[in-house]
Amino acid sequence: MTLADTLKLVHIISVSVWIGGEIMLGILFERAQRSRDEGTLRGLLSQGGFVGKAVFNPAGIITLAAGIWLGIEGDYDFGEAWISMGFVGIAVGAILGMAFYPRVFNRGLAGIEAGGIDGSETRASLKLLRLVSTIELLVLLVVVWAMVFKPGA
């Protein structure tokens, strides 16, 4: 196994953790909302910040580091479209992870405290969370597509 093989493996595993975690969290949120399970929903909102810091942030950092190192090791042109798309995916994830998700989780928790699961603040927060996380997931899936098919290469 070469260094490039190892870097590619690490890159793929970290992306899998990131995307798989996002899908799983989305499924759990959806299930809690549909079953109207306020306790589980409160727990998911509370744990969202932890999961972001303990799982998604490290996965994003490892994805970025392994990808850059793989690009250097493989002598890739960092100006190629498929690589630029990868950087966009990392940027979207980082911005949302730092600026959006912590605030919307806290807003959702405050909404539950103020008006329960049916409160307008809770519903608005969960609707925004669903929309933005779906868009992020679509961006990440497009990035994975780009990494596999390498448009412009």
C-alpha atoms as a PDB file:
ATOM      1  CA  MET A   1       0.000   0.000   0.000  1.00  0.00           C
ATOM      2  CA  THR A   2       1.456   3.342  -1.054  1.00  0.00           C
ATOM      3  CA  LEU A   3       1.168   6.631   0.787  1.00  0.00           C
ATOM      4  CA  ALA A   4      -1.312   7.799  -1.864  1.00  0.00           C
ATOM      5  CA  ASP A   5      -3.449   4.686  -1.255  1.00  0.00           C
ATOM      6  CA  THR A   6      -3.437   5.345   2.483  1.00  0.00           C
ATOM      7  CA  LEU A   7      -4.340   9.002   2.014  1.00  0.00           C
ATOM      8  CA  LYS A   8      -7.166   8.094  -0.352  1.00  0.00           C
ATOM      9  CA  LEU A   9      -8.491   5.572   2.175  1.00  0.00           C
ATOM     10  CA  VAL A  10      -8.389   8.119   5.008  1.00  0.00           C
ATOM     11  CA  HIS A  11     -10.037  10.713   2.755  1.00  0.00           C
ATOM     12  CA  ILE A  12     -12.858   8.331   1.802  1.00  0.00           C
ATOM     13  CA  ILE A  13     -13.428   7.126   5.376  1.00  0.00           C
ATOM     14  CA  SER A  14     -13.622  10.677   6.731  1.00  0.00           C
ATOM     15  CA  VAL A  15     -16.072  11.726   4.013  1.00  0.00           C
ATOM     16  CA  SER A  16     -18.131   8.602   4.728  1.00  0.00           C
ATOM     17  CA  VAL A  17     -18.307   9.483   8.421  1.00  0.00           C
ATOM     18  CA  TRP A  18     -19.319  13.060   7.563  1.00  0.00           C
ATOM     19  CA  ILE A  19     -22.020  12.183   5.022  1.00  0.00           C
ATOM     20  CA  GLY A  20     -23.203   9.062   6.830  1.00  0.00           C
ATOM     21  CA  GLY A  21     -23.472  10.976  10.091  1.00  0.00           C
ATOM     22  CA  GLU A  22     -25.429  13.744   8.447  1.00  0.00           C
ATOM     23  CA  ILE A  23     -27.837  11.279   6.867  1.00  0.00           C
ATOM     24  CA  MET A  24     -28.319   9.419  10.152  1.00  0.00           C
ATOM     25  CA  LEU A  25     -28.890  12.608  12.138  1.00  0.00           C
ATOM     26  CA  GLY A  26     -31.398  13.756   9.530  1.00  0.00           C
ATOM     27  CA  ILE A  27     -33.280  10.459   9.767  1.00  0.00           C
ATOM     28  CA  LEU A  28     -33.381  10.669  13.560  1.00  0.00           C
ATOM     29  CA  PHE A  29     -34.657  14.260  13.458  1.00  0.00           C
ATOM     30  CA  GLU A  30     -37.308  13.311  10.922  1.00  0.00           C
ATOM     31  CA  ARG A  31     -38.440  10.328  12.973  1.00  0.00           C
ATOM     32  CA  ALA A  32     -38.630  12.362  16.189  1.00  0.00           C
ATOM     33  CA  GLN A  33     -40.674  15.070  14.462  1.00  0.00           C
ATOM     34  CA  ARG A  34     -43.087  12.649  12.822  1.00  0.00           C
ATOM     35  CA  SER A  35     -43.656  10.734  16.042  1.00  0.00           C
ATOM     36  CA  ARG A  36     -43.999  14.030  17.905  1.00  0.00           C
ATOM     37  CA  ASP A  37     -41.442  12.779  20.435  1.00  0.00           C
ATOM     38  CA  GLU A  38     -40.494  15.980  22.238  1.00  0.00           C
ATOM     39  CA  GLY A  39     -37.962  14.281  24.529  1.00  0.00           C
ATOM     40  CA  THR A  40     -36.036  12.727  21.643  1.00  0.00           C
ATOM     41  CA  LEU A  41     -36.202  15.938  19.664  1.00  0.00           C
ATOM     42  CA  ARG A  42     -34.867  17.893  22.632  1.00  0.00           C
ATOM     43  CA  GLY A  43     -32.090  15.314  23.004  1.00  0.00           C
ATOM     44  CA  LEU A  44     -31.149  15.513  19.332  1.00  0.00           C
ATOM     45  CA  LEU A  45     -31.027  19.302  19.447  1.00  0.00           C
ATOM     46  CA  SER A  46     -28.895  19.134  22.592  1.00  0.00           C
ATOM     47  CA  GLN A  47     -26.530  16.550  21.110  1.00  0.00           C
ATOM     48  CA  GLY A  48     -26.288  18.280  17.734  1.00  0.00           C
ATOM     49  CA  GLY A  49     -23.592  20.666  18.927  1.00  0.00           C
ATOM     50  CA  PHE A  50     -21.580  17.849  20.459  1.00  0.00           C
ATOM     51  CA  VAL A  51     -21.814  15.713  17.320  1.00  0.00           C
ATOM     52  CA  GLY A  52     -20.713  18.693  15.254  1.00  0.00           C
ATOM     53  CA  LYS A  53     -17.637  19.306  17.389  1.00  0.00           C
ATOM     54  CA  ALA A  54     -16.737  15.679  18.084  1.00  0.00           C
ATOM     55  CA  VAL A  55     -17.577  14.051  14.743  1.00  0.00           C
ATOM     56  CA  PHE A  56     -18.315  16.423  11.854  1.00  0.00           C
ATOM     57  CA  ASN A  57     -15.570  18.992  12.496  1.00  0.00           C
ATOM     58  CA  PRO A  58     -12.802  16.369  12.792  1.00  0.00           C
ATOM     59  CA  ALA A  59     -14.167  14.501   9.760  1.00  0.00           C
ATOM     60  CA  GLY A  60     -14.106  17.730   7.728  1.00  0.00           C
ATOM     61  CA  ILE A  61     -10.585  18.596   8.866  1.00  0.00           C
ATOM     62  CA  ILE A  62      -9.316  15.086   8.110  1.00  0.00           C
ATOM     63  CA  THR A  63     -11.070  15.141   4.731  1.00  0.00           C
ATOM     64  CA  LEU A  64      -9.400  18.447   3.884  1.00  0.00           C
ATOM     65  CA  ALA A  65      -5.934  17.467   5.148  1.00  0.00           C
ATOM     66  CA  ALA A  66      -5.936  14.053   3.480  1.00  0.00           C
ATOM     67  CA  GLY A  67      -7.277  15.561   0.252  1.00  0.00           C
ATOM     68  CA  ILE A  68      -4.626  18.271   0.105  1.00  0.00           C
ATOM     69  CA  TRP A  69      -1.862  15.835   0.977  1.00  0.00           C
ATOM     70  CA  LEU A  70      -3.175  13.395  -1.629  1.00  0.00           C
ATOM     71  CA  GLY A  71      -3.245  16.212  -4.177  1.00  0.00           C
ATOM     72  CA  ILE A  72       0.361  17.122  -3.423  1.00  0.00           C
ATOM     73  CA  GLU A  73       1.464  13.482  -3.371  1.00  0.00           C
ATOM     74  CA  GLY A  74      -0.333  12.783  -6.656  1.00  0.00           C
ATOM     75  CA  ASP A  75       0.850  16.019  -8.235  1.00  0.00           C
ATOM     76  CA  TYR A  76      -2.720  17.123  -8.988  1.00  0.00           C
ATOM     77  CA  ASP A  77      -3.547  20.554 -10.351  1.00  0.00           C
ATOM     78  CA  PHE A  78      -5.469  22.277  -7.549  1.00  0.00           C
ATOM     79  CA  GLY A  79      -7.117  24.499 -10.155  1.00  0.00           C
ATOM     80  CA  GLU A  80      -9.060  21.597 -11.677  1.00  0.00           C
ATOM     81  CA  ALA A  81     -12.838  21.892 -11.397  1.00  0.00           C
ATOM     82  CA  TRP A  82     -13.348  18.683  -9.415  1.00  0.00           C
ATOM     83  CA  ILE A  83     -10.787  19.730  -6.803  1.00  0.00           C
ATOM     84  CA  SER A  84     -12.305  23.208  -6.561  1.00  0.00           C
ATOM     85  CA  MET A  85     -15.676  21.566  -5.978  1.00  0.00           C
ATOM     86  CA  GLY A  86     -14.127  19.666  -3.071  1.00  0.00           C
ATOM     87  CA  PHE A  87     -12.934  22.919  -1.511  1.00  0.00           C
ATOM     88  CA  VAL A  88     -16.435  24.372  -1.929  1.00  0.00           C
ATOM     89  CA  GLY A  89     -17.889  21.378  -0.083  1.00  0.00           C
ATOM     90  CA  ILE A  90     -15.422  21.804   2.768  1.00  0.00           C
ATOM     91  CA  ALA A  91     -16.147  25.545   2.948  1.00  0.00           C
ATOM     92  CA  VAL A  92     -19.923  25.002   3.000  1.00  0.00           C
ATOM     93  CA  GLY A  93     -19.567  22.415   5.768  1.00  0.00           C
ATOM     94  CA  ALA A  94     -17.233  24.593   7.821  1.00  0.00           C
ATOM     95  CA  ILE A  95     -19.390  27.704   7.557  1.00  0.00           C
ATOM     96  CA  LEU A  96     -22.575  25.846   8.424  1.00  0.00           C
ATOM     97  CA  GLY A  97     -20.871  23.930  11.218  1.00  0.00           C
ATOM     98  CA  MET A  98     -19.540  27.062  12.874  1.00  0.00           C
ATOM     99  CA  ALA A  99     -22.162  29.686  12.085  1.00  0.00           C
ATOM    100  CA  PHE A 100     -25.493  27.990  11.412  1.00  0.00           C
ATOM    101  CA  TYR A 101     -25.985  24.674  13.163  1.00  0.00           C
ATOM    102  CA  PRO A 102     -25.112  25.731  16.735  1.00  0.00           C
ATOM    103  CA  ARG A 103     -27.504  28.683  16.492  1.00  0.00           C
ATOM    104  CA  VAL A 104     -30.387  26.709  14.998  1.00  0.00           C
ATOM    105  CA  PHE A 105     -29.980  23.910  17.566  1.00  0.00           C
ATOM    106  CA  ASN A 106     -30.096  26.471  20.389  1.00  0.00           C
ATOM    107  CA  ARG A 107     -33.045  28.231  18.771  1.00  0.00           C
ATOM    108  CA  GLY A 108     -34.912  24.930  18.497  1.00  0.00           C
ATOM    109  CA  LEU A 109     -34.234  24.131  22.148  1.00  0.00           C
ATOM    110  CA  ALA A 110     -35.411  27.577  23.201  1.00  0.00           C
ATOM    111  CA  GLY A 111     -38.527  27.087  21.092  1.00  0.00           C
ATOM    112  CA  ILE A 112     -39.322  23.796  22.828  1.00  0.00           C
ATOM    113  CA  GLU A 113     -38.832  25.431  26.224  1.00  0.00           C
ATOM    114  CA  ALA A 114     -41.068  28.364  25.301  1.00  0.00           C
ATOM    115  CA  GLY A 115     -43.839  26.726  23.312  1.00  0.00           C
ATOM    116  CA  GLY A 116     -43.260  22.992  23.129  1.00  0.00           C
ATOM    117  CA  ILE A 117     -42.927  20.948  19.987  1.00  0.00           C
ATOM    118  CA  ASP A 118     -45.794  22.819  18.294  1.00  0.00           C
ATOM    119  CA  GLY A 119     -44.505  26.311  19.083  1.00  0.00           C
ATOM    120  CA  SER A 120     -43.857  28.583  16.145  1.00  0.00           C
ATOM    121  CA  GLU A 121     -40.177  29.021  17.077  1.00  0.00           C
ATOM    122  CA  THR A 122     -39.687  25.261  17.271  1.00  0.00           C
ATOM    123  CA  ARG A 123     -41.423  24.624  13.964  1.00  0.00           C
ATOM    124  CA  ALA A 124     -39.507  27.429  12.235  1.00  0.00           C
ATOM    125  CA  SER A 125     -36.173  26.166  13.568  1.00  0.00           C
ATOM    126  CA  LEU A 126     -36.835  22.583  12.524  1.00  0.00           C
ATOM    127  CA  LYS A 127     -38.037  23.648   9.092  1.00  0.00           C
ATOM    128  CA  LEU A 128     -34.894  25.744   8.564  1.00  0.00           C
ATOM    129  CA  LEU A 129     -32.716  22.909   9.880  1.00  0.00           C
ATOM    130  CA  ARG A 130     -34.313  20.435   7.453  1.00  0.00           C
ATOM    131  CA  LEU A 131     -33.894  22.806   4.492  1.00  0.00           C
ATOM    132  CA  VAL A 132     -30.270  23.775   5.138  1.00  0.00           C
ATOM    133  CA  SER A 133     -29.099  20.277   6.073  1.00  0.00           C
ATOM    134  CA  THR A 134     -30.725  18.889   2.913  1.00  0.00           C
ATOM    135  CA  ILE A 135     -28.954  21.497   0.788  1.00  0.00           C
ATOM    136  CA  GLU A 136     -25.659  20.735   2.526  1.00  0.00           C
ATOM    137  CA  LEU A 137     -26.138  17.023   1.931  1.00  0.00           C
ATOM    138  CA  LEU A 138     -26.840  17.647  -1.756  1.00  0.00           C
ATOM    139  CA  VAL A 139     -23.691  19.783  -2.015  1.00  0.00           C
ATOM    140  CA  LEU A 140     -21.641  17.021  -0.395  1.00  0.00           C
ATOM    141  CA  LEU A 141     -23.113  14.389  -2.699  1.00  0.00           C
ATOM    142  CA  VAL A 142     -22.244  16.524  -5.731  1.00  0.00           C
ATOM    143  CA  VAL A 143     -18.708  16.806  -4.364  1.00  0.00           C
ATOM    144  CA  VAL A 144     -18.488  13.025  -4.009  1.00  0.00           C
ATOM    145  CA  TRP A 145     -19.741  12.714  -7.586  1.00  0.00           C
ATOM    146  CA  ALA A 146     -17.022  15.161  -8.678  1.00  0.00           C
ATOM    147  CA  MET A 147     -14.327  13.216  -6.827  1.00  0.00           C
ATOM    148  CA  VAL A 148     -15.389  10.003  -8.584  1.00  0.00           C
ATOM    149  CA  PHE A 149     -15.942  11.340 -12.109  1.00  0.00           C
ATOM    150  CA  LYS A 150     -13.439  14.258 -12.065  1.00  0.00           C
ATOM    151  CA  PRO A 151     -15.164  16.692 -14.433  1.00  0.00           C
ATOM    152  CA  GLY A 152     -12.696  18.914 -16.235  1.00  0.00           C
ATOM    153  CA  ALA A 153      -9.761  16.557 -15.680  1.00  0.00           C
END
